[in-house]
Amino acid sequence: MATTVHLPPELLDIVDHRAGELGMSRNRFIILALEKAIEEQMNWSPSFLETLAAAAKDSGSHQAIEQMIDAIATNRTRKSHPSL
């Protein structure tokens, strides 16, 4: 589907330069960049989950982590929390 997006000239120059370096069209580069940005917004950070899992092994932190997970799950409006 065709659409129009207005980009600042400086940003468009950077996009064109980077797309050229990667050997792809401006359109393909923008699509990949948008897909990546959307995916990152939809997923939990792997480093956050690793830190949380490591802290969960510490018995003193376990209750605080459970409370934090409950608070996050209760207040999330756009996606569900992952199972740990």
PDB file of N, CA and C in Angstrom:
ATOM      1  N   MET A   1       0.847  -1.165   0.000  1.00  0.00           N
ATOM      2  CA  MET A   1       0.000   0.000   0.000  1.00  0.00           C
ATOM      3  C   MET A   1       0.899   1.235   0.000  1.00  0.00           C
ATOM      4  N   ALA A   2       0.601   2.154  -0.836  1.00  0.00           N
ATOM      5  CA  ALA A   2       1.376   3.392  -0.914  1.00  0.00           C
ATOM      6  C   ALA A   2       0.944   4.348   0.183  1.00  0.00           C
ATOM      7  N   THR A   3       1.912   5.061   0.728  1.00  0.00           N
ATOM      8  CA  THR A   3       1.640   6.074   1.744  1.00  0.00           C
ATOM      9  C   THR A   3       2.694   7.162   1.629  1.00  0.00           C
ATOM     10  N   THR A   4       2.429   8.273   2.240  1.00  0.00           N
ATOM     11  CA  THR A   4       3.385   9.368   2.223  1.00  0.00           C
ATOM     12  C   THR A   4       3.840   9.648   3.642  1.00  0.00           C
ATOM     13  N   VAL A   5       5.153   9.745   3.805  1.00  0.00           N
ATOM     14  CA  VAL A   5       5.736  10.073   5.103  1.00  0.00           C
ATOM     15  C   VAL A   5       6.716  11.203   4.864  1.00  0.00           C
ATOM     16  N   HIS A   6       6.661  12.204   5.698  1.00  0.00           N
ATOM     17  CA  HIS A   6       7.563  13.340   5.574  1.00  0.00           C
ATOM     18  C   HIS A   6       8.701  13.192   6.570  1.00  0.00           C
ATOM     19  N   LEU A   7       9.919  13.148   6.035  1.00  0.00           N
ATOM     20  CA  LEU A   7      11.106  13.012   6.868  1.00  0.00           C
ATOM     21  C   LEU A   7      11.954  14.271   6.739  1.00  0.00           C
ATOM     22  N   PRO A   8      12.586  14.680   7.819  1.00  0.00           N
ATOM     23  CA  PRO A   8      13.516  15.809   7.724  1.00  0.00           C
ATOM     24  C   PRO A   8      14.625  15.461   6.719  1.00  0.00           C
ATOM     25  N   PRO A   9      15.072  16.438   5.943  1.00  0.00           N
ATOM     26  CA  PRO A   9      16.105  16.165   4.927  1.00  0.00           C
ATOM     27  C   PRO A   9      17.350  15.485   5.486  1.00  0.00           C
ATOM     28  N   GLU A  10      17.772  15.883   6.685  1.00  0.00           N
ATOM     29  CA  GLU A  10      18.967  15.279   7.276  1.00  0.00           C
ATOM     30  C   GLU A  10      18.753  13.790   7.554  1.00  0.00           C
ATOM     31  N   LEU A  11      17.575  13.435   8.054  1.00  0.00           N
ATOM     32  CA  LEU A  11      17.266  12.039   8.336  1.00  0.00           C
ATOM     33  C   LEU A  11      17.190  11.245   7.037  1.00  0.00           C
ATOM     34  N   LEU A  12      16.577  11.805   6.029  1.00  0.00           N
ATOM     35  CA  LEU A  12      16.473  11.128   4.743  1.00  0.00           C
ATOM     36  C   LEU A  12      17.863  10.874   4.149  1.00  0.00           C
ATOM     37  N   ASP A  13      18.769  11.825   4.295  1.00  0.00           N
ATOM     38  CA  ASP A  13      20.145  11.628   3.816  1.00  0.00           C
ATOM     39  C   ASP A  13      20.810  10.456   4.530  1.00  0.00           C
ATOM     40  N   ILE A  14      20.605  10.357   5.831  1.00  0.00           N
ATOM     41  CA  ILE A  14      21.180   9.260   6.610  1.00  0.00           C
ATOM     42  C   ILE A  14      20.571   7.927   6.179  1.00  0.00           C
ATOM     43  N   VAL A  15      19.261   7.914   6.009  1.00  0.00           N
ATOM     44  CA  VAL A  15      18.562   6.699   5.563  1.00  0.00           C
ATOM     45  C   VAL A  15      19.106   6.256   4.208  1.00  0.00           C
ATOM     46  N   ASP A  16      19.197   7.178   3.274  1.00  0.00           N
ATOM     47  CA  ASP A  16      19.695   6.838   1.936  1.00  0.00           C
ATOM     48  C   ASP A  16      21.125   6.317   1.988  1.00  0.00           C
ATOM     49  N   HIS A  17      21.961   6.965   2.799  1.00  0.00           N
ATOM     50  CA  HIS A  17      23.361   6.557   2.912  1.00  0.00           C
ATOM     51  C   HIS A  17      23.460   5.140   3.483  1.00  0.00           C
ATOM     52  N   ARG A  18      22.743   4.898   4.570  1.00  0.00           N
ATOM     53  CA  ARG A  18      22.810   3.578   5.222  1.00  0.00           C
ATOM     54  C   ARG A  18      22.220   2.492   4.336  1.00  0.00           C
ATOM     55  N   ALA A  19      21.106   2.782   3.669  1.00  0.00           N
ATOM     56  CA  ALA A  19      20.509   1.809   2.747  1.00  0.00           C
ATOM     57  C   ALA A  19      21.490   1.470   1.635  1.00  0.00           C
ATOM     58  N   GLY A  20      22.158   2.486   1.121  1.00  0.00           N
ATOM     59  CA  GLY A  20      23.156   2.258   0.072  1.00  0.00           C
ATOM     60  C   GLY A  20      24.296   1.388   0.561  1.00  0.00           C
ATOM     61  N   GLU A  21      24.759   1.630   1.787  1.00  0.00           N
ATOM     62  CA  GLU A  21      25.827   0.811   2.367  1.00  0.00           C
ATOM     63  C   GLU A  21      25.414  -0.653   2.462  1.00  0.00           C
ATOM     64  N   LEU A  22      24.140  -0.862   2.749  1.00  0.00           N
ATOM     65  CA  LEU A  22      23.627  -2.225   2.910  1.00  0.00           C
ATOM     66  C   LEU A  22      23.169  -2.841   1.596  1.00  0.00           C
ATOM     67  N   GLY A  23      23.211  -2.057   0.527  1.00  0.00           N
ATOM     68  CA  GLY A  23      22.817  -2.563  -0.784  1.00  0.00           C
ATOM     69  C   GLY A  23      21.330  -2.811  -0.925  1.00  0.00           C
ATOM     70  N   MET A  24      20.539  -1.965  -0.293  1.00  0.00           N
ATOM     71  CA  MET A  24      19.085  -2.131  -0.401  1.00  0.00           C
ATOM     72  C   MET A  24      18.432  -0.800  -0.724  1.00  0.00           C
ATOM     73  N   SER A  25      17.189  -0.870  -1.113  1.00  0.00           N
ATOM     74  CA  SER A  25      16.453   0.347  -1.440  1.00  0.00           C
ATOM     75  C   SER A  25      16.083   1.103  -0.170  1.00  0.00           C
ATOM     76  N   ARG A  26      15.794   2.371  -0.339  1.00  0.00           N
ATOM     77  CA  ARG A  26      15.318   3.193   0.775  1.00  0.00           C
ATOM     78  C   ARG A  26      14.061   2.571   1.364  1.00  0.00           C
ATOM     79  N   ASN A  27      13.137   2.148   0.508  1.00  0.00           N
ATOM     80  CA  ASN A  27      11.875   1.573   0.957  1.00  0.00           C
ATOM     81  C   ASN A  27      12.112   0.331   1.814  1.00  0.00           C
ATOM     82  N   ARG A  28      12.978  -0.570   1.352  1.00  0.00           N
ATOM     83  CA  ARG A  28      13.249  -1.795   2.100  1.00  0.00           C
ATOM     84  C   ARG A  28      13.904  -1.480   3.439  1.00  0.00           C
ATOM     85  N   PHE A  29      14.838  -0.542   3.442  1.00  0.00           N
ATOM     86  CA  PHE A  29      15.510  -0.152   4.677  1.00  0.00           C
ATOM     87  C   PHE A  29      14.502   0.396   5.693  1.00  0.00           C
ATOM     88  N   ILE A  30      13.611   1.261   5.240  1.00  0.00           N
ATOM     89  CA  ILE A  30      12.607   1.848   6.142  1.00  0.00           C
ATOM     90  C   ILE A  30      11.669   0.778   6.672  1.00  0.00           C
ATOM     91  N   ILE A  31      11.253  -0.157   5.812  1.00  0.00           N
ATOM     92  CA  ILE A  31      10.381  -1.246   6.264  1.00  0.00           C
ATOM     93  C   ILE A  31      11.078  -2.066   7.343  1.00  0.00           C
ATOM     94  N   LEU A  32      12.334  -2.432   7.105  1.00  0.00           N
ATOM     95  CA  LEU A  32      13.078  -3.218   8.105  1.00  0.00           C
ATOM     96  C   LEU A  32      13.245  -2.441   9.412  1.00  0.00           C
ATOM     97  N   ALA A  33      13.537  -1.147   9.305  1.00  0.00           N
ATOM     98  CA  ALA A  33      13.704  -0.329  10.509  1.00  0.00           C
ATOM     99  C   ALA A  33      12.399  -0.249  11.301  1.00  0.00           C
ATOM    100  N   LEU A  34      11.294  -0.086  10.616  1.00  0.00           N
ATOM    101  CA  LEU A  34       9.996  -0.028  11.299  1.00  0.00           C
ATOM    102  C   LEU A  34       9.648  -1.367  11.934  1.00  0.00           C
ATOM    103  N   GLU A  35       9.886  -2.456  11.214  1.00  0.00           N
ATOM    104  CA  GLU A  35       9.617  -3.779  11.779  1.00  0.00           C
ATOM    105  C   GLU A  35      10.442  -4.019  13.040  1.00  0.00           C
ATOM    106  N   LYS A  36      11.707  -3.628  12.998  1.00  0.00           N
ATOM    107  CA  LYS A  36      12.578  -3.799  14.161  1.00  0.00           C
ATOM    108  C   LYS A  36      12.088  -2.955  15.338  1.00  0.00           C
ATOM    109  N   ALA A  37      11.719  -1.715  15.068  1.00  0.00           N
ATOM    110  CA  ALA A  37      11.232  -0.832  16.136  1.00  0.00           C
ATOM    111  C   ALA A  37       9.955  -1.377  16.757  1.00  0.00           C
ATOM    112  N   ILE A  38       9.064  -1.883  15.940  1.00  0.00           N
ATOM    113  CA  ILE A  38       7.813  -2.442  16.452  1.00  0.00           C
ATOM    114  C   ILE A  38       8.089  -3.686  17.276  1.00  0.00           C
ATOM    115  N   GLU A  39       8.966  -4.555  16.787  1.00  0.00           N
ATOM    116  CA  GLU A  39       9.299  -5.779  17.513  1.00  0.00           C
ATOM    117  C   GLU A  39       9.917  -5.462  18.865  1.00  0.00           C
ATOM    118  N   GLU A  40      10.815  -4.476  18.902  1.00  0.00           N
ATOM    119  CA  GLU A  40      11.454  -4.110  20.165  1.00  0.00           C
ATOM    120  C   GLU A  40      10.446  -3.557  21.157  1.00  0.00           C
ATOM    121  N   GLN A  41       9.441  -2.882  20.683  1.00  0.00           N
ATOM    122  CA  GLN A  41       8.412  -2.338  21.568  1.00  0.00           C
ATOM    123  C   GLN A  41       7.469  -3.428  22.061  1.00  0.00           C
ATOM    124  N   MET A  42       7.423  -4.545  21.350  1.00  0.00           N
ATOM    125  CA  MET A  42       6.492  -5.616  21.688  1.00  0.00           C
ATOM    126  C   MET A  42       7.107  -6.661  22.613  1.00  0.00           C
ATOM    127  N   ASN A  43       8.402  -6.646  22.795  1.00  0.00           N
ATOM    128  CA  ASN A  43       9.078  -7.687  23.559  1.00  0.00           C
ATOM    129  C   ASN A  43       9.783  -7.131  24.787  1.00  0.00           C
ATOM    130  N   TRP A  44       9.933  -7.985  25.763  1.00  0.00           N
ATOM    131  CA  TRP A  44      10.715  -7.637  26.937  1.00  0.00           C
ATOM    132  C   TRP A  44      12.186  -7.689  26.557  1.00  0.00           C
ATOM    133  N   SER A  45      12.972  -6.854  27.146  1.00  0.00           N
ATOM    134  CA  SER A  45      14.412  -6.838  26.919  1.00  0.00           C
ATOM    135  C   SER A  45      15.024  -8.129  27.447  1.00  0.00           C
ATOM    136  N   PRO A  46      15.802  -8.837  26.616  1.00  0.00           N
ATOM    137  CA  PRO A  46      16.433 -10.073  27.101  1.00  0.00           C
ATOM    138  C   PRO A  46      17.313  -9.834  28.324  1.00  0.00           C
ATOM    139  N   SER A  47      18.029  -8.723  28.367  1.00  0.00           N
ATOM    140  CA  SER A  47      18.888  -8.466  29.526  1.00  0.00           C
ATOM    141  C   SER A  47      18.056  -8.245  30.786  1.00  0.00           C
ATOM    142  N   PHE A  48      16.882  -7.611  30.639  1.00  0.00           N
ATOM    143  CA  PHE A  48      15.994  -7.433  31.793  1.00  0.00           C
ATOM    144  C   PHE A  48      15.544  -8.787  32.320  1.00  0.00           C
ATOM    145  N   LEU A  49      15.138  -9.679  31.412  1.00  0.00           N
ATOM    146  CA  LEU A  49      14.666 -10.992  31.837  1.00  0.00           C
ATOM    147  C   LEU A  49      15.785 -11.816  32.459  1.00  0.00           C
ATOM    148  N   GLU A  50      17.007 -11.709  31.928  1.00  0.00           N
ATOM    149  CA  GLU A  50      18.143 -12.428  32.504  1.00  0.00           C
ATOM    150  C   GLU A  50      18.449 -11.917  33.909  1.00  0.00           C
ATOM    151  N   THR A  51      18.422 -10.604  34.086  1.00  0.00           N
ATOM    152  CA  THR A  51      18.678 -10.014  35.399  1.00  0.00           C
ATOM    153  C   THR A  51      17.603 -10.436  36.386  1.00  0.00           C
ATOM    154  N   LEU A  52      16.365 -10.418  35.933  1.00  0.00           N
ATOM    155  CA  LEU A  52      15.245 -10.813  36.783  1.00  0.00           C
ATOM    156  C   LEU A  52      15.356 -12.284  37.174  1.00  0.00           C
ATOM    157  N   ALA A  53      15.695 -13.136  36.224  1.00  0.00           N
ATOM    158  CA  ALA A  53      15.832 -14.567  36.517  1.00  0.00           C
ATOM    159  C   ALA A  53      16.969 -14.819  37.506  1.00  0.00           C
ATOM    160  N   ALA A  54      18.078 -14.103  37.343  1.00  0.00           N
ATOM    161  CA  ALA A  54      19.203 -14.265  38.269  1.00  0.00           C
ATOM    162  C   ALA A  54      18.817 -13.812  39.668  1.00  0.00           C
ATOM    163  N   ALA A  55      18.103 -12.705  39.757  1.00  0.00           N
ATOM    164  CA  ALA A  55      17.684 -12.195  41.063  1.00  0.00           C
ATOM    165  C   ALA A  55      16.662 -13.122  41.711  1.00  0.00           C
ATOM    166  N   ALA A  56      15.866 -13.800  40.906  1.00  0.00           N
ATOM    167  CA  ALA A  56      14.840 -14.703  41.444  1.00  0.00           C
ATOM    168  C   ALA A  56      15.467 -15.876  42.196  1.00  0.00           C
ATOM    169  N   LYS A  57      16.709 -16.204  41.891  1.00  0.00           N
ATOM    170  CA  LYS A  57      17.397 -17.303  42.574  1.00  0.00           C
ATOM    171  C   LYS A  57      17.800 -16.924  43.989  1.00  0.00           C
ATOM    172  N   ASP A  58      17.859 -15.626  44.262  1.00  0.00           N
ATOM    173  CA  ASP A  58      18.190 -15.125  45.597  1.00  0.00           C
ATOM    174  C   ASP A  58      16.915 -15.100  46.422  1.00  0.00           C
ATOM    175  N   SER A  59      16.857 -15.895  47.474  1.00  0.00           N
ATOM    176  CA  SER A  59      15.616 -16.019  48.255  1.00  0.00           C
ATOM    177  C   SER A  59      15.169 -14.686  48.843  1.00  0.00           C
ATOM    178  N   GLY A  60      16.104 -13.809  49.163  1.00  0.00           N
ATOM    179  CA  GLY A  60      15.735 -12.514  49.725  1.00  0.00           C
ATOM    180  C   GLY A  60      15.054 -11.607  48.710  1.00  0.00           C
ATOM    181  N   SER A  61      15.350 -11.811  47.451  1.00  0.00           N
ATOM    182  CA  SER A  61      14.773 -10.973  46.395  1.00  0.00           C
ATOM    183  C   SER A  61      13.480 -11.542  45.841  1.00  0.00           C
ATOM    184  N   HIS A  62      13.220 -12.809  46.106  1.00  0.00           N
ATOM    185  CA  HIS A  62      12.088 -13.494  45.476  1.00  0.00           C
ATOM    186  C   HIS A  62      10.757 -12.784  45.721  1.00  0.00           C
ATOM    187  N   GLN A  63      10.475 -12.413  46.953  1.00  0.00           N
ATOM    188  CA  GLN A  63       9.199 -11.767  47.267  1.00  0.00           C
ATOM    189  C   GLN A  63       9.085 -10.416  46.567  1.00  0.00           C
ATOM    190  N   ALA A  64      10.154  -9.645  46.552  1.00  0.00           N
ATOM    191  CA  ALA A  64      10.127  -8.339  45.882  1.00  0.00           C
ATOM    192  C   ALA A  64       9.896  -8.501  44.387  1.00  0.00           C
ATOM    193  N   ILE A  65      10.508  -9.525  43.796  1.00  0.00           N
ATOM    194  CA  ILE A  65      10.316  -9.775  42.368  1.00  0.00           C
ATOM    195  C   ILE A  65       8.873 -10.166  42.082  1.00  0.00           C
ATOM    196  N   GLU A  66       8.310 -11.017  42.915  1.00  0.00           N
ATOM    197  CA  GLU A  66       6.915 -11.418  42.742  1.00  0.00           C
ATOM    198  C   GLU A  66       5.983 -10.203  42.815  1.00  0.00           C
ATOM    199  N   GLN A  67       6.252  -9.304  43.747  1.00  0.00           N
ATOM    200  CA  GLN A  67       5.440  -8.095  43.865  1.00  0.00           C
ATOM    201  C   GLN A  67       5.594  -7.207  42.630  1.00  0.00           C
ATOM    202  N   MET A  68       6.820  -7.110  42.129  1.00  0.00           N
ATOM    203  CA  MET A  68       7.062  -6.302  40.943  1.00  0.00           C
ATOM    204  C   MET A  68       6.342  -6.897  39.731  1.00  0.00           C
ATOM    205  N   ILE A  69       6.438  -8.203  39.545  1.00  0.00           N
ATOM    206  CA  ILE A  69       5.768  -8.854  38.414  1.00  0.00           C
ATOM    207  C   ILE A  69       4.263  -8.659  38.509  1.00  0.00           C
ATOM    208  N   ASP A  70       3.712  -8.803  39.698  1.00  0.00           N
ATOM    209  CA  ASP A  70       2.276  -8.583  39.882  1.00  0.00           C
ATOM    210  C   ASP A  70       1.887  -7.153  39.539  1.00  0.00           C
ATOM    211  N   ALA A  71       2.694  -6.182  39.969  1.00  0.00           N
ATOM    212  CA  ALA A  71       2.401  -4.770  39.674  1.00  0.00           C
ATOM    213  C   ALA A  71       2.482  -4.494  38.182  1.00  0.00           C
ATOM    214  N   ILE A  72       3.488  -5.051  37.532  1.00  0.00           N
ATOM    215  CA  ILE A  72       3.626  -4.857  36.079  1.00  0.00           C
ATOM    216  C   ILE A  72       2.440  -5.476  35.361  1.00  0.00           C
ATOM    217  N   ALA A  73       2.108  -6.706  35.709  1.00  0.00           N
ATOM    218  CA  ALA A  73       0.996  -7.394  35.047  1.00  0.00           C
ATOM    219  C   ALA A  73      -0.314  -6.651  35.251  1.00  0.00           C
ATOM    220  N   THR A  74      -0.527  -6.120  36.438  1.00  0.00           N
ATOM    221  CA  THR A  74      -1.762  -5.400  36.743  1.00  0.00           C
ATOM    222  C   THR A  74      -1.873  -4.108  35.951  1.00  0.00           C
ATOM    223  N   ASN A  75      -0.748  -3.431  35.738  1.00  0.00           N
ATOM    224  CA  ASN A  75      -0.774  -2.115  35.101  1.00  0.00           C
ATOM    225  C   ASN A  75      -0.509  -2.127  33.602  1.00  0.00           C
ATOM    226  N   ARG A  76      -0.199  -3.275  33.037  1.00  0.00           N
ATOM    227  CA  ARG A  76       0.052  -3.338  31.595  1.00  0.00           C
ATOM    228  C   ARG A  76      -1.262  -3.163  30.855  1.00  0.00           C
ATOM    229  N   THR A  77      -1.192  -2.418  29.767  1.00  0.00           N
ATOM    230  CA  THR A  77      -2.410  -2.174  28.987  1.00  0.00           C
ATOM    231  C   THR A  77      -2.300  -2.687  27.560  1.00  0.00           C
ATOM    232  N   ARG A  78      -1.072  -2.975  27.081  1.00  0.00           N
ATOM    233  CA  ARG A  78      -0.931  -3.341  25.678  1.00  0.00           C
ATOM    234  C   ARG A  78      -0.442  -4.753  25.413  1.00  0.00           C
ATOM    235  N   LYS A  79       0.139  -5.410  26.361  1.00  0.00           N
ATOM    236  CA  LYS A  79       0.606  -6.773  26.121  1.00  0.00           C
ATOM    237  C   LYS A  79       0.693  -7.530  27.433  1.00  0.00           C
ATOM    238  N   SER A  80       0.687  -8.826  27.309  1.00  0.00           N
ATOM    239  CA  SER A  80       0.750  -9.643  28.514  1.00  0.00           C
ATOM    240  C   SER A  80       2.200  -9.823  28.937  1.00  0.00           C
ATOM    241  N   HIS A  81       2.404 -10.198  30.183  1.00  0.00           N
ATOM    242  CA  HIS A  81       3.758 -10.416  30.678  1.00  0.00           C
ATOM    243  C   HIS A  81       4.223 -11.806  30.281  1.00  0.00           C
ATOM    244  N   PRO A  82       5.515 -11.992  30.112  1.00  0.00           N
ATOM    245  CA  PRO A  82       6.036 -13.305  29.734  1.00  0.00           C
ATOM    246  C   PRO A  82       6.074 -14.220  30.951  1.00  0.00           C
ATOM    247  N   SER A  83       6.015 -15.505  30.682  1.00  0.00           N
ATOM    248  CA  SER A  83       6.204 -16.433  31.794  1.00  0.00           C
ATOM    249  C   SER A  83       7.689 -16.604  32.016  1.00  0.00           C
ATOM    250  N   LEU A  84       8.088 -16.577  33.251  1.00  0.00           N
ATOM    251  CA  LEU A  84       9.514 -16.680  33.569  1.00  0.00           C
ATOM    252  C   LEU A  84       9.868 -18.059  34.044  1.00  0.00           C
TER     253      LEU A  84
END
